[in-house]
Amino acid sequence: MAKFKVAIDAGHGGFGVTPGKRTPDGEYEWNFNNKVAVACIAKLKANGVDVIRTDDPTGKTDVGLTARTNKANNAGADVMVSFHHNANTGKWGTWTGTETFTYLGNWPKAEKLAREVQNRVVKAYGLRDRGLKKENFAIVRQSNMPAILVEGGYMDSTIDIKKLRSDAVLKAAGIAAAEGILAYLGVSSGKDAVVPGDTSEANKPVAGEIYRVRWSWGNAESQKGAFSDLANAKACADKYPGYKVYDSKGATVYQSKEKTAATGNAYVREAQEFLNSRGYPTKAKFKALTVDGFTGPKSLTAALRVGQYYGGVTIDGLWGPNTKKAMRTLSKADYTTWWTHLLQAALVLNGINVDIDGVFGNGTEDAVERFQAKKGIAADGIAGPNTWEKLLG
């Protein structure tokens, strides 16, 4: 009898390559998805099933959805399962639960697969059973075989995050999903999985600290990684001059060493990294910046283009009346996170160092006042059209 083929997918990508898709503390969704996928793959292989992995197993790229389903379709997979973890508002809350999706309409085989998997992963996560759902997701729509998408729990839930931060729980969820797949295929699940890199004792939950590598604790967007091993966190921080390692309470436990002046200004590097993030080079139509810490016309033009993208006007990199009208006025009393990120980056690129954290607090107000005084305009700490014009015009 020919072996069954199963396509396994860990949603999105790691290392910040997918905009958003992270916990409020900056942990990437793909990291959770990957741990479930790895355990699932190990269990399937142990029981004689061929596996096609459709995402980038290194997490360094976010493979397109069509490329993922094409890979599964071309391989002649018998089923496809994509692992994800949910988010609601992006801020901590008490929503909770595990759910599994199939495509819109009536798909008896996919629905049977979903039931087999959902019933088992709910027990592994130990969270509320949110049941089976239907949605127009590309992964389940474009697959030629029965396909499901599992949302294991909420990354922005104070309830669910305790489960997601446990390697043992994620391993158990992956094995449970594999057992559901095997049950659907009519294959015995009697052989145990040998999960690569698993050093836990009898599935004992991993206890201990999570160390995050960031420019500043409040700037989750700057995060380069989250690690349970402090040595790995330090090694990561050392790759990024000026970055620090923080514990889960926000306390600094390690400061990376600054390199020579040839690396430029650390604040400027952070501004350049912000402008390169969240797909802005594509959305705002500019070539990704070289993160060198040196201010130049390319960085300032990129900031202008992002402002035009935010403001919904023609993105041409040229300052004009329409762009000036589109720039949002910001103050301590009235601001939005992403416009404030851009304002802070623009201030840095104009020689006014300020943390790029998206919060218009006293530090940002002071930075705006200093810039306004430098340019000879009313120093009121409010970033209005005239201030934006001096910054980016």
Protein backbone atom coordinates (compact mmCIF):
# COMPACT_ATOMS: atom_id res chain seq x y z
CA MET A 1 0.00 0.00 0.00
CA ALA A 2 1.33 3.43 -0.96
CA LYS A 3 2.24 5.81 1.82
CA PHE A 4 -0.07 8.67 2.65
CA LYS A 5 1.24 12.18 2.08
CA VAL A 6 0.39 14.98 4.49
CA ALA A 7 1.14 18.67 3.92
CA ILE A 8 2.01 20.48 7.16
CA ASP A 9 2.20 24.25 7.36
CA ALA A 10 3.36 26.61 10.14
CA GLY A 11 1.59 29.87 9.43
CA HIS A 12 3.49 33.07 8.56
CA GLY A 13 7.24 33.53 9.22
CA GLY A 14 9.53 34.32 12.11
CA PHE A 15 12.18 36.97 12.82
CA GLY A 16 9.70 39.77 12.17
CA VAL A 17 9.32 38.98 8.45
CA THR A 18 5.52 38.96 8.81
CA PRO A 19 4.02 42.32 9.88
CA GLY A 20 2.13 42.00 13.15
CA LYS A 21 1.51 38.34 14.02
CA ARG A 22 3.02 38.49 17.48
CA THR A 23 2.06 38.72 21.14
CA PRO A 24 1.73 42.10 22.88
CA ASP A 25 5.20 41.32 24.30
CA GLY A 26 6.63 40.84 20.81
CA GLU A 27 6.89 37.03 20.56
CA TYR A 28 6.38 35.91 16.96
CA GLU A 29 3.41 33.72 16.09
CA TRP A 30 5.50 31.54 13.77
CA ASN A 31 7.62 30.43 16.75
CA PHE A 32 4.54 28.92 18.37
CA ASN A 33 3.23 27.52 15.09
CA ASN A 34 6.58 25.94 14.28
CA LYS A 35 6.82 24.03 17.57
CA VAL A 36 3.40 22.49 16.96
CA ALA A 37 4.30 21.67 13.35
CA VAL A 38 7.63 20.05 14.28
CA ALA A 39 5.98 17.75 16.83
CA CYS A 40 3.18 16.89 14.41
CA ILE A 41 5.66 16.04 11.65
CA ALA A 42 7.71 13.83 13.98
CA LYS A 43 4.63 11.85 15.01
CA LEU A 44 3.43 11.42 11.43
CA LYS A 45 6.84 10.26 10.21
CA ALA A 46 7.19 7.84 13.11
CA ASN A 47 3.99 6.17 11.91
CA GLY A 48 5.00 5.83 8.28
CA VAL A 49 3.48 8.95 6.72
CA ASP A 50 5.34 11.10 4.20
CA VAL A 51 5.29 14.80 5.07
CA ILE A 52 5.52 17.85 2.84
CA ARG A 53 6.29 21.03 4.75
CA THR A 54 4.96 24.08 2.92
CA ASP A 55 6.35 26.99 4.96
CA ASP A 56 10.02 27.93 5.36
CA PRO A 57 11.19 25.66 8.22
CA THR A 58 13.82 28.25 9.18
CA GLY A 59 11.18 30.94 9.58
CA LYS A 60 13.37 33.46 7.75
CA THR A 61 10.87 34.01 4.92
CA ASP A 62 7.09 34.21 4.85
CA VAL A 63 6.24 31.92 1.94
CA GLY A 64 3.24 33.16 -0.07
CA LEU A 65 -0.05 31.37 0.47
CA THR A 66 -0.39 30.33 -3.16
CA ALA A 67 3.14 28.92 -3.13
CA ARG A 68 2.23 26.90 -0.06
CA THR A 69 -0.92 25.39 -1.53
CA ASN A 70 0.79 24.83 -4.89
CA LYS A 71 3.49 22.82 -3.13
CA ALA A 72 0.88 20.66 -1.42
CA ASN A 73 -1.16 20.26 -4.61
CA ASN A 74 1.85 19.41 -6.78
CA ALA A 75 3.04 16.83 -4.26
CA GLY A 76 -0.34 15.09 -4.35
CA ALA A 77 -0.87 15.44 -0.60
CA ASP A 78 -3.82 13.54 0.84
CA VAL A 79 -4.58 16.22 3.45
CA MET A 80 -3.23 19.65 4.45
CA VAL A 81 -3.07 21.11 7.95
CA SER A 82 -1.96 24.67 8.72
CA PHE A 83 -1.09 25.62 12.31
CA HIS A 84 -1.75 29.10 13.63
CA HIS A 85 -2.36 30.95 16.88
CA ASN A 86 -5.02 33.60 17.13
CA ALA A 87 -5.15 37.28 18.10
CA ASN A 88 -8.04 39.53 18.98
CA THR A 89 -7.15 43.17 19.67
CA GLY A 90 -3.37 42.85 19.96
CA LYS A 91 -3.63 43.95 23.59
CA TRP A 92 -3.89 41.63 26.58
CA GLY A 93 -7.40 40.37 27.35
CA THR A 94 -9.24 37.31 28.65
CA TRP A 95 -10.63 35.85 25.39
CA THR A 96 -9.67 32.22 25.03
CA GLY A 97 -10.00 29.02 23.07
CA THR A 98 -9.02 26.66 20.27
CA GLU A 99 -10.85 26.41 16.95
CA THR A 100 -10.41 24.72 13.57
CA PHE A 101 -11.46 26.06 10.17
CA THR A 102 -12.56 24.50 6.89
CA TYR A 103 -13.56 26.29 3.69
CA LEU A 104 -16.98 27.83 3.14
CA GLY A 105 -19.68 25.43 2.03
CA ASN A 106 -20.11 21.70 2.45
CA TRP A 107 -16.86 19.71 2.54
CA PRO A 108 -17.56 16.42 4.35
CA LYS A 109 -14.00 15.05 4.18
CA ALA A 110 -12.39 18.25 5.42
CA GLU A 111 -15.01 18.52 8.15
CA LYS A 112 -14.29 14.97 9.28
CA LEU A 113 -10.58 15.76 9.40
CA ALA A 114 -11.31 18.93 11.35
CA ARG A 115 -13.36 17.02 13.94
CA GLU A 116 -10.64 14.41 14.44
CA VAL A 117 -7.99 17.09 14.95
CA GLN A 118 -10.06 19.61 16.93
CA ASN A 119 -11.27 17.02 19.47
CA ARG A 120 -7.69 16.08 20.26
CA VAL A 121 -5.89 19.44 20.20
CA VAL A 122 -8.48 21.00 22.51
CA LYS A 123 -7.48 18.48 25.17
CA ALA A 124 -3.77 19.08 24.53
CA TYR A 125 -4.07 22.85 24.92
CA GLY A 126 -6.53 22.58 27.81
CA LEU A 127 -8.42 25.62 26.57
CA ARG A 128 -12.04 26.39 25.72
CA ASP A 129 -13.41 24.47 22.72
CA ARG A 130 -14.50 27.14 20.23
CA GLY A 131 -15.57 24.43 17.81
CA LEU A 132 -15.41 24.07 14.03
CA LYS A 133 -15.67 27.20 11.88
CA LYS A 134 -15.77 28.05 8.18
CA GLU A 135 -13.81 30.85 6.55
CA ASN A 136 -12.53 31.95 3.14
CA PHE A 137 -8.86 31.36 4.03
CA ALA A 138 -6.57 30.83 1.02
CA ILE A 139 -4.96 27.78 2.61
CA VAL A 140 -8.26 25.89 2.75
CA ARG A 141 -9.71 27.45 -0.42
CA GLN A 142 -6.81 26.75 -2.78
CA SER A 143 -5.97 23.23 -1.61
CA ASN A 144 -7.09 20.33 -3.82
CA MET A 145 -7.23 17.96 -0.84
CA PRO A 146 -9.16 18.10 2.45
CA ALA A 147 -7.55 21.05 4.25
CA ILE A 148 -7.95 22.61 7.68
CA LEU A 149 -6.49 25.55 9.59
CA VAL A 150 -6.03 25.22 13.35
CA GLU A 151 -6.01 28.27 15.64
CA GLY A 152 -4.47 26.84 18.80
CA GLY A 153 -5.12 29.72 21.19
CA TYR A 154 -4.96 33.50 21.52
CA MET A 155 -1.53 35.11 21.59
CA ASP A 156 -3.02 38.22 23.23
CA SER A 157 -4.88 36.30 25.94
CA THR A 158 -3.61 36.31 29.50
CA ILE A 159 -5.17 32.85 29.77
CA ASP A 160 -3.90 31.23 26.59
CA ILE A 161 -0.39 32.69 26.59
CA LYS A 162 0.54 30.48 29.55
CA LYS A 163 -0.10 27.47 27.33
CA LEU A 164 1.63 28.93 24.30
CA ARG A 165 4.79 29.66 26.29
CA SER A 166 5.04 26.02 27.32
CA ASP A 167 7.07 23.95 24.88
CA ALA A 168 5.50 20.85 26.40
CA VAL A 169 1.97 22.06 25.61
CA LEU A 170 2.90 22.95 22.02
CA LYS A 171 4.58 19.57 21.58
CA ALA A 172 1.50 17.82 22.95
CA ALA A 173 -0.73 19.84 20.60
CA GLY A 174 1.38 18.81 17.61
CA ILE A 175 1.27 15.15 18.58
CA ALA A 176 -2.49 15.38 19.21
CA ALA A 177 -3.01 16.92 15.78
CA ALA A 178 -0.97 14.12 14.20
CA GLU A 179 -3.08 11.52 16.00
CA GLY A 180 -6.21 13.18 14.59
CA ILE A 181 -4.73 13.13 11.09
CA LEU A 182 -3.75 9.47 11.45
CA ALA A 183 -7.24 8.61 12.69
CA TYR A 184 -8.73 10.31 9.64
CA LEU A 185 -6.37 8.38 7.35
CA GLY A 186 -7.04 5.10 9.16
CA VAL A 187 -3.39 4.69 10.15
CA SER A 188 -2.21 3.41 13.52
CA SER A 189 -0.68 6.05 15.80
CA GLY A 190 1.06 3.58 18.08
CA LYS A 191 4.64 4.66 17.45
CA ASP A 192 5.99 7.52 19.55
CA ALA A 193 7.41 10.69 18.07
CA VAL A 194 11.03 11.67 18.44
CA VAL A 195 10.86 15.46 18.31
CA PRO A 196 14.10 17.14 17.10
CA GLY A 197 15.69 19.28 19.77
CA ASP A 198 13.32 18.11 22.50
CA THR A 199 15.20 17.76 25.79
CA SER A 200 12.23 17.99 28.15
CA GLU A 201 11.56 15.26 30.68
CA ALA A 202 8.34 13.35 30.09
CA ASN A 203 6.65 16.39 28.55
CA LYS A 204 7.26 18.43 31.70
CA PRO A 205 6.30 22.08 30.99
CA VAL A 206 9.30 24.31 30.44
CA ALA A 207 9.62 26.71 33.36
CA GLY A 208 11.71 29.83 33.55
CA GLU A 209 12.29 33.22 32.07
CA ILE A 210 11.65 34.55 28.57
CA TYR A 211 14.42 36.95 27.49
CA ARG A 212 13.60 39.52 24.82
CA VAL A 213 16.13 41.36 22.68
CA ARG A 214 14.98 44.93 21.98
CA TRP A 215 16.26 48.46 21.51
CA SER A 216 14.07 49.56 24.45
CA TRP A 217 11.52 47.67 26.54
CA GLY A 218 8.64 49.82 25.31
CA ASN A 219 9.50 49.33 21.65
CA ALA A 220 8.14 45.86 20.90
CA GLU A 221 8.52 46.50 17.15
CA SER A 222 12.30 46.58 17.57
CA GLN A 223 12.38 43.05 19.00
CA LYS A 224 14.93 40.76 17.38
CA GLY A 225 13.99 37.59 19.24
CA ALA A 226 12.62 35.97 22.41
CA PHE A 227 14.60 33.20 24.11
CA SER A 228 14.30 30.90 27.10
CA ASP A 229 18.11 30.60 27.15
CA LEU A 230 19.92 33.75 28.30
CA ALA A 231 23.09 32.82 26.42
CA ASN A 232 21.16 32.69 23.15
CA ALA A 233 19.54 36.04 23.93
CA LYS A 234 22.95 37.61 24.60
CA ALA A 235 24.33 36.19 21.36
CA CYS A 236 21.41 37.71 19.47
CA ALA A 237 21.82 41.10 21.18
CA ASP A 238 25.52 41.19 20.29
CA LYS A 239 24.56 41.23 16.61
CA TYR A 240 22.71 44.53 17.11
CA PRO A 241 24.78 47.33 18.68
CA GLY A 242 22.89 49.22 21.36
CA TYR A 243 20.26 46.51 21.87
CA LYS A 244 19.50 45.08 25.30
CA VAL A 245 18.21 41.82 26.76
CA TYR A 246 15.14 42.24 28.98
CA ASP A 247 13.47 39.77 31.35
CA SER A 248 9.68 39.34 31.42
CA LYS A 249 9.32 42.25 33.85
CA GLY A 250 11.16 44.65 31.56
CA ALA A 251 14.37 44.74 33.57
CA THR A 252 17.64 44.98 31.62
CA VAL A 253 19.80 41.91 32.13
CA TYR A 254 22.36 42.50 29.38
CA GLN A 255 23.54 45.40 27.24
CA SER A 256 25.14 44.66 23.88
CA LYS A 257 28.37 46.43 23.16
CA GLU A 258 28.41 49.36 20.77
CA LYS A 259 30.65 48.86 17.76
CA THR A 260 32.93 51.51 16.35
CA ALA A 261 31.64 54.79 15.01
CA ALA A 262 31.59 53.21 11.55
CA THR A 263 28.25 51.63 12.52
CA GLY A 264 26.67 55.09 12.73
CA ASN A 265 24.05 56.34 15.16
CA ALA A 266 22.03 53.69 16.98
CA TYR A 267 18.88 55.87 16.95
CA VAL A 268 19.19 56.28 13.19
CA ARG A 269 19.57 52.51 12.79
CA GLU A 270 16.33 52.05 14.73
CA ALA A 271 14.58 54.60 12.50
CA GLN A 272 15.83 52.78 9.40
CA GLU A 273 14.68 49.45 10.82
CA PHE A 274 11.22 50.90 11.48
CA LEU A 275 10.97 52.17 7.90
CA ASN A 276 11.99 48.73 6.62
CA SER A 277 9.38 46.97 8.80
CA ARG A 278 5.75 45.96 8.23
CA GLY A 279 6.18 45.75 4.46
CA TYR A 280 6.63 49.53 4.12
CA PRO A 281 9.20 49.31 1.29
CA THR A 282 6.53 47.59 -0.83
CA LYS A 283 3.55 49.58 0.43
CA ALA A 284 5.29 52.95 0.20
CA LYS A 285 7.24 52.09 -2.96
CA PHE A 286 10.87 52.46 -1.95
CA LYS A 287 13.91 50.23 -1.92
CA ALA A 288 14.60 48.77 1.51
CA LEU A 289 17.10 50.93 3.34
CA THR A 290 20.60 49.89 4.29
CA VAL A 291 20.59 49.92 8.09
CA ASP A 292 23.87 51.72 8.62
CA GLY A 293 23.01 54.37 11.20
CA PHE A 294 23.73 57.27 8.84
CA THR A 295 21.09 59.82 7.87
CA GLY A 296 20.74 60.61 4.20
CA PRO A 297 18.22 61.57 1.52
CA LYS A 298 17.15 57.95 0.98
CA SER A 299 16.06 57.54 4.62
CA LEU A 300 14.23 60.89 4.67
CA THR A 301 12.48 60.14 1.38
CA ALA A 302 11.44 56.74 2.69
CA ALA A 303 9.92 58.44 5.76
CA LEU A 304 8.05 60.88 3.49
CA ARG A 305 6.72 57.99 1.39
CA VAL A 306 5.49 56.18 4.51
CA GLY A 307 3.70 59.39 5.54
CA GLN A 308 2.04 59.56 2.11
CA TYR A 309 1.04 55.91 2.48
CA TYR A 310 -0.48 56.63 5.91
CA GLY A 311 -2.25 59.72 4.59
CA GLY A 312 -3.74 57.97 1.56
CA VAL A 313 -2.28 60.37 -1.01
CA THR A 314 -0.16 59.77 -4.11
CA ILE A 315 3.12 58.11 -3.08
CA ASP A 316 5.75 59.96 -5.09
CA GLY A 317 8.31 61.00 -2.47
CA LEU A 318 7.65 64.68 -3.22
CA TRP A 319 6.39 67.18 -0.65
CA GLY A 320 3.38 69.21 -1.80
CA PRO A 321 0.04 70.70 -0.64
CA ASN A 322 -1.81 67.36 -0.71
CA THR A 323 0.87 65.67 1.36
CA LYS A 324 0.91 68.53 3.86
CA LYS A 325 -2.87 68.26 4.32
CA ALA A 326 -2.63 64.48 4.76
CA MET A 327 -0.11 64.57 7.62
CA ARG A 328 -1.79 63.90 10.95
CA THR A 329 -1.42 66.43 13.76
CA LEU A 330 -0.05 64.71 16.86
CA SER A 331 0.18 65.72 20.50
CA LYS A 332 0.27 64.13 23.94
CA ALA A 333 -3.52 64.51 24.11
CA ASP A 334 -4.24 63.10 20.64
CA TYR A 335 -1.98 60.65 18.81
CA THR A 336 -1.95 57.23 17.14
CA THR A 337 0.79 54.65 17.51
CA TRP A 338 1.92 54.33 13.89
CA TRP A 339 1.88 58.05 13.12
CA THR A 340 3.91 58.58 16.31
CA HIS A 341 6.39 55.91 15.22
CA LEU A 342 6.84 57.85 11.98
CA LEU A 343 7.15 61.19 13.79
CA GLN A 344 9.82 59.79 16.10
CA ALA A 345 11.72 58.30 13.16
CA ALA A 346 11.55 61.63 11.31
CA LEU A 347 12.85 63.48 14.38
CA VAL A 348 15.77 61.05 14.64
CA LEU A 349 16.58 61.47 10.96
CA ASN A 350 16.68 65.23 11.61
CA GLY A 351 19.19 64.88 14.42
CA ILE A 352 16.81 64.79 17.40
CA ASN A 353 17.34 61.50 19.25
CA VAL A 354 14.21 59.99 20.76
CA ASP A 355 13.05 56.42 21.40
CA ILE A 356 10.87 55.09 18.58
CA ASP A 357 8.18 53.43 20.68
CA GLY A 358 4.93 54.84 19.24
CA VAL A 359 4.06 56.62 22.49
CA PHE A 360 3.69 60.42 22.44
CA GLY A 361 4.87 61.06 25.98
CA ASN A 362 6.99 63.70 27.66
CA GLY A 363 10.13 62.58 25.81
CA THR A 364 8.53 62.92 22.39
CA GLU A 365 6.91 66.25 23.28
CA ASP A 366 10.30 67.56 24.38
CA ALA A 367 11.91 66.25 21.18
CA VAL A 368 9.28 68.03 19.06
CA GLU A 369 9.84 71.27 20.98
CA ARG A 370 13.61 71.02 20.49
CA PHE A 371 13.18 70.44 16.77
CA GLN A 372 10.70 73.32 16.45
CA ALA A 373 13.05 75.70 18.27
CA LYS A 374 15.92 74.56 16.05
CA LYS A 375 13.86 75.36 12.93
CA GLY A 376 12.52 78.69 14.25
CA ILE A 377 8.85 77.77 14.46
CA ALA A 378 6.49 77.93 17.45
CA ALA A 379 7.83 75.47 20.02
CA ASP A 380 4.51 74.12 21.32
CA GLY A 381 5.33 70.39 21.28
CA ILE A 382 2.51 69.70 18.81
CA ALA A 383 3.47 68.08 15.50
CA GLY A 384 1.22 69.88 13.03
CA PRO A 385 1.51 70.47 9.26
CA ASN A 386 4.28 73.09 9.58
CA THR A 387 6.37 70.80 11.78
CA TRP A 388 5.90 67.89 9.38
CA GLU A 389 6.94 70.18 6.51
CA LYS A 390 10.19 71.03 8.29
CA LEU A 391 10.78 67.36 9.04
CA LEU A 392 10.05 65.89 5.61
CA GLY A 393 9.47 68.75 3.16
